[in-house]
N, C-alpha and C. Protein backbone atom coordinates (compact mmCIF):
# COMPACT_ATOMS: atom_id res chain seq x y z
N UNK A 1 -22.92 29.29 52.22
CA UNK A 1 -22.71 28.80 51.13
C UNK A 1 -22.21 27.81 50.80
N UNK A 2 -22.38 27.03 49.83
CA UNK A 2 -21.83 25.66 49.35
C UNK A 2 -21.53 25.87 47.91
N UNK A 3 -20.70 25.13 47.53
CA UNK A 3 -20.28 24.97 46.07
C UNK A 3 -20.59 23.55 45.73
N UNK A 4 -21.08 23.13 44.60
CA UNK A 4 -21.24 21.81 44.02
C UNK A 4 -20.59 22.20 42.45
N UNK A 5 -19.93 21.21 42.12
CA UNK A 5 -19.04 21.17 41.08
C UNK A 5 -19.22 19.90 39.85
N UNK A 6 -19.50 20.06 38.70
CA UNK A 6 -19.29 18.99 37.85
C UNK A 6 -18.38 18.99 37.05
N UNK A 7 -16.90 18.55 37.20
CA UNK A 7 -16.03 18.62 36.08
C UNK A 7 -16.34 18.16 34.83
N UNK A 8 -17.09 16.99 34.63
CA UNK A 8 -17.21 16.53 33.28
C UNK A 8 -18.13 17.63 32.48
N UNK A 9 -18.91 18.22 33.34
CA UNK A 9 -19.63 19.29 32.39
C UNK A 9 -19.28 20.89 32.59
N UNK A 10 -18.27 20.84 33.36
CA UNK A 10 -17.49 21.82 33.74
C UNK A 10 -18.52 23.01 34.25
N UNK A 11 -19.40 22.58 35.09
CA UNK A 11 -20.13 23.78 35.70
C UNK A 11 -20.52 23.40 37.17
N UNK A 12 -20.71 24.57 37.99
CA UNK A 12 -20.65 24.80 38.99
C UNK A 12 -21.96 25.17 39.59
N UNK A 13 -22.43 25.01 40.69
CA UNK A 13 -23.76 25.57 41.51
C UNK A 13 -23.12 26.07 42.76
N UNK A 14 -23.50 27.51 43.18
CA UNK A 14 -23.08 28.12 43.96
C UNK A 14 -24.33 28.38 44.91
N UNK A 15 -24.50 27.59 46.05
CA UNK A 15 -25.75 27.55 46.57
C UNK A 15 -25.73 28.99 47.97
N UNK A 16 -26.60 29.59 47.82
CA UNK A 16 -26.43 30.90 48.76
C UNK A 16 -27.20 30.57 49.84
N UNK A 17 -28.11 29.54 50.20
CA UNK A 17 -28.71 29.30 51.27
C UNK A 17 -28.20 27.76 51.61
N UNK A 18 -28.82 27.10 52.94
CA UNK A 18 -28.59 26.03 53.46
C UNK A 18 -28.97 24.99 52.45
N UNK A 19 -30.00 25.19 51.80
CA UNK A 19 -30.54 24.11 50.99
C UNK A 19 -31.76 24.78 50.20
N UNK A 20 -31.98 24.18 49.03
CA UNK A 20 -33.06 24.45 48.48
C UNK A 20 -34.13 23.46 47.97
N UNK A 21 -35.24 23.50 48.38
CA UNK A 21 -36.24 22.64 48.59
C UNK A 21 -36.54 22.27 47.15
N UNK A 22 -37.05 21.18 46.40
CA UNK A 22 -37.55 21.04 45.25
C UNK A 22 -38.76 21.81 45.15
N UNK A 23 -38.72 22.69 44.01
CA UNK A 23 -39.73 23.65 43.43
C UNK A 23 -39.72 24.89 44.18
N UNK A 24 -38.80 25.28 45.31
CA UNK A 24 -38.37 26.42 45.75
C UNK A 24 -37.81 27.60 44.45
N UNK A 25 -36.86 27.12 43.98
CA UNK A 25 -36.56 28.10 42.88
C UNK A 25 -37.57 28.43 41.90
N UNK A 26 -38.20 29.15 41.68
CA UNK A 26 -39.34 29.51 40.78
C UNK A 26 -39.01 30.35 39.68
N UNK A 27 -37.92 31.00 39.68
CA UNK A 27 -37.64 31.80 38.58
C UNK A 27 -36.27 31.72 38.40
N UNK A 28 -35.52 31.28 37.08
CA UNK A 28 -34.27 31.25 36.80
C UNK A 28 -34.21 32.22 35.53
N UNK A 29 -33.06 32.99 35.84
CA UNK A 29 -32.66 34.29 34.92
C UNK A 29 -31.40 34.12 34.25
N UNK A 30 -31.20 34.17 33.07
CA UNK A 30 -29.92 34.14 32.72
C UNK A 30 -28.78 35.33 32.80
N UNK A 31 -27.92 35.50 32.90
CA UNK A 31 -27.14 36.41 33.41
C UNK A 31 -27.19 37.13 31.70
N UNK A 32 -26.64 38.29 32.09
CA UNK A 32 -26.74 39.25 30.48
C UNK A 32 -25.56 38.61 29.58
N UNK A 33 -24.65 37.93 30.18
CA UNK A 33 -23.48 37.47 29.34
C UNK A 33 -23.69 36.15 29.11
N UNK A 34 -24.88 35.38 29.59
CA UNK A 34 -24.88 34.30 29.30
C UNK A 34 -24.22 33.06 29.92
N UNK A 35 -23.20 33.60 31.21
CA UNK A 35 -22.13 32.74 31.95
C UNK A 35 -22.74 32.17 32.86
N UNK A 36 -24.16 32.60 33.36
CA UNK A 36 -24.79 31.82 34.48
C UNK A 36 -26.41 31.96 34.61
N UNK A 37 -26.74 31.08 35.28
CA UNK A 37 -28.22 31.06 35.59
C UNK A 37 -28.43 31.52 36.87
N UNK A 38 -29.28 32.80 37.24
CA UNK A 38 -29.67 32.98 38.71
C UNK A 38 -30.92 32.21 39.12
N UNK A 39 -30.99 31.51 40.26
CA UNK A 39 -32.06 31.15 40.53
C UNK A 39 -32.79 31.86 41.59
N UNK A 40 -34.23 32.12 41.55
CA UNK A 40 -34.75 32.99 42.76
C UNK A 40 -35.89 32.39 43.36
N UNK A 41 -36.35 32.76 44.50
CA UNK A 41 -37.30 32.12 45.09
C UNK A 41 -38.85 32.97 44.64
N UNK A 42 -40.13 32.70 45.32
CA UNK A 42 -41.46 33.48 45.07
C UNK A 42 -40.87 34.67 45.43
N UNK A 43 -40.10 35.31 46.48
CA UNK A 43 -40.02 36.48 47.01
C UNK A 43 -39.12 37.34 46.36
N UNK A 44 -38.37 36.54 45.17
CA UNK A 44 -37.27 37.13 44.66
C UNK A 44 -35.86 37.56 45.41
N UNK A 45 -35.92 36.38 46.27
CA UNK A 45 -34.50 36.41 46.73
C UNK A 45 -33.64 35.36 45.91
N UNK A 46 -32.58 35.92 45.79
CA UNK A 46 -31.46 34.68 45.13
C UNK A 46 -31.18 34.04 45.93
N UNK A 47 -31.22 32.56 45.54
CA UNK A 47 -30.89 31.35 46.13
C UNK A 47 -29.51 31.01 45.79
N UNK A 48 -29.37 30.65 44.48
CA UNK A 48 -28.14 29.82 43.90
C UNK A 48 -27.82 30.71 42.64
N UNK A 49 -26.37 30.52 42.16
CA UNK A 49 -26.00 30.49 40.77
C UNK A 49 -25.39 29.19 40.07
N UNK A 50 -26.08 28.95 38.72
CA UNK A 50 -25.35 28.06 37.94
C UNK A 50 -24.61 28.48 37.26
N UNK A 51 -23.21 28.23 37.62
CA UNK A 51 -22.08 28.77 36.32
C UNK A 51 -21.71 27.88 35.54
N UNK A 52 -21.53 28.43 34.30
CA UNK A 52 -20.79 27.88 33.22
C UNK A 52 -19.57 27.91 32.97
N UNK A 53 -18.73 27.20 32.41
CA UNK A 53 -17.28 27.27 32.13
C UNK A 53 -16.48 27.39 33.66
N UNK A 54 -16.73 26.61 34.55
CA UNK A 54 -16.53 27.03 36.18
C UNK A 54 -14.67 26.95 36.29
N UNK A 55 -14.45 26.20 35.52
CA UNK A 55 -12.96 26.12 35.48
C UNK A 55 -12.10 27.47 35.18
N UNK A 56 -12.66 28.43 34.15
CA UNK A 56 -12.35 29.48 33.92
C UNK A 56 -12.56 30.33 34.74
N UNK A 57 -13.77 30.10 35.43
CA UNK A 57 -14.36 31.73 36.00
C UNK A 57 -14.14 31.34 37.63
N UNK A 58 -14.03 30.43 38.26
CA UNK A 58 -13.56 30.42 39.66
C UNK A 58 -12.07 29.84 40.09
N UNK A 59 -11.85 30.21 41.22
CA UNK A 59 -10.50 29.84 41.74
C UNK A 59 -10.34 28.50 41.78
N UNK A 60 -9.19 28.01 41.41
CA UNK A 60 -8.90 26.55 41.64
C UNK A 60 -9.25 26.08 43.05
N UNK A 61 -8.77 26.95 44.25
CA UNK A 61 -8.91 26.44 45.41
C UNK A 61 -10.58 26.17 45.55
N UNK A 62 -11.42 26.98 45.10
CA UNK A 62 -12.45 27.06 45.58
C UNK A 62 -13.06 25.71 44.44
N UNK A 63 -12.85 25.40 43.71
CA UNK A 63 -13.19 24.35 42.96
C UNK A 63 -12.69 23.20 43.73
N UNK A 64 -11.25 23.03 44.32
CA UNK A 64 -10.77 21.95 44.90
C UNK A 64 -11.68 21.66 46.20
N UNK A 65 -12.40 22.76 46.86
CA UNK A 65 -13.09 22.40 47.90
C UNK A 65 -14.29 22.08 47.79
N UNK A 66 -14.90 21.93 46.63
CA UNK A 66 -16.31 22.05 46.24
C UNK A 66 -16.63 20.54 46.23
N UNK A 67 -18.36 20.48 46.67
CA UNK A 67 -18.66 19.14 46.91
C UNK A 67 -18.85 18.38 45.16
N UNK A 68 -18.21 17.33 45.11
CA UNK A 68 -18.40 16.83 43.58
C UNK A 68 -19.59 16.50 43.19
N UNK A 69 -20.13 16.69 42.32
CA UNK A 69 -21.75 15.77 41.97
C UNK A 69 -21.44 15.22 40.58
N UNK A 70 -20.46 14.72 40.39
CA UNK A 70 -20.03 14.14 38.82
C UNK A 70 -19.58 12.87 39.34
N UNK A 71 -19.65 12.28 40.72
CA UNK A 71 -19.26 11.07 41.09
C UNK A 71 -17.65 10.75 40.98
N UNK A 72 -16.99 11.92 40.75
CA UNK A 72 -15.37 11.86 40.85
C UNK A 72 -14.98 12.49 42.25
N UNK A 73 -13.82 11.87 42.68
CA UNK A 73 -13.16 12.29 44.07
C UNK A 73 -12.78 13.23 43.89
N UNK A 74 -12.64 14.07 44.88
CA UNK A 74 -11.64 15.61 45.09
C UNK A 74 -10.51 15.06 44.98
N UNK A 75 -9.69 16.39 44.13
CA UNK A 75 -8.28 15.84 43.87
C UNK A 75 -7.35 16.04 45.57
N UNK A 76 -6.44 15.32 45.87
CA UNK A 76 -6.13 15.28 46.85
C UNK A 76 -5.34 16.68 47.34
N UNK A 77 -5.48 17.23 48.90
CA UNK A 77 -5.08 18.51 49.08
C UNK A 77 -3.61 18.72 49.02
N UNK A 78 -2.98 19.98 49.00
CA UNK A 78 -1.90 20.08 49.05
C UNK A 78 -1.34 20.24 50.39
N UNK A 79 0.00 19.65 50.65
CA UNK A 79 0.36 19.95 52.23
C UNK A 79 0.93 21.23 52.68
């Protein structure tokens, strides 16, 4: 599992597989409460989760260790 985080957009993407090839996510399903979009492959397997309002929904430690996709560096780790 890998977590990507865009602090500017306050969004996170939780990759449940090692990599998602272009076009592999063929179905996007909004969560019932509109907090996320679930990405599925052609066989109905969940590949990843795009999460809105990530700072409110994910633990700060998870976000601190996430791969930054907004070009910002990770905050320094605590001793």
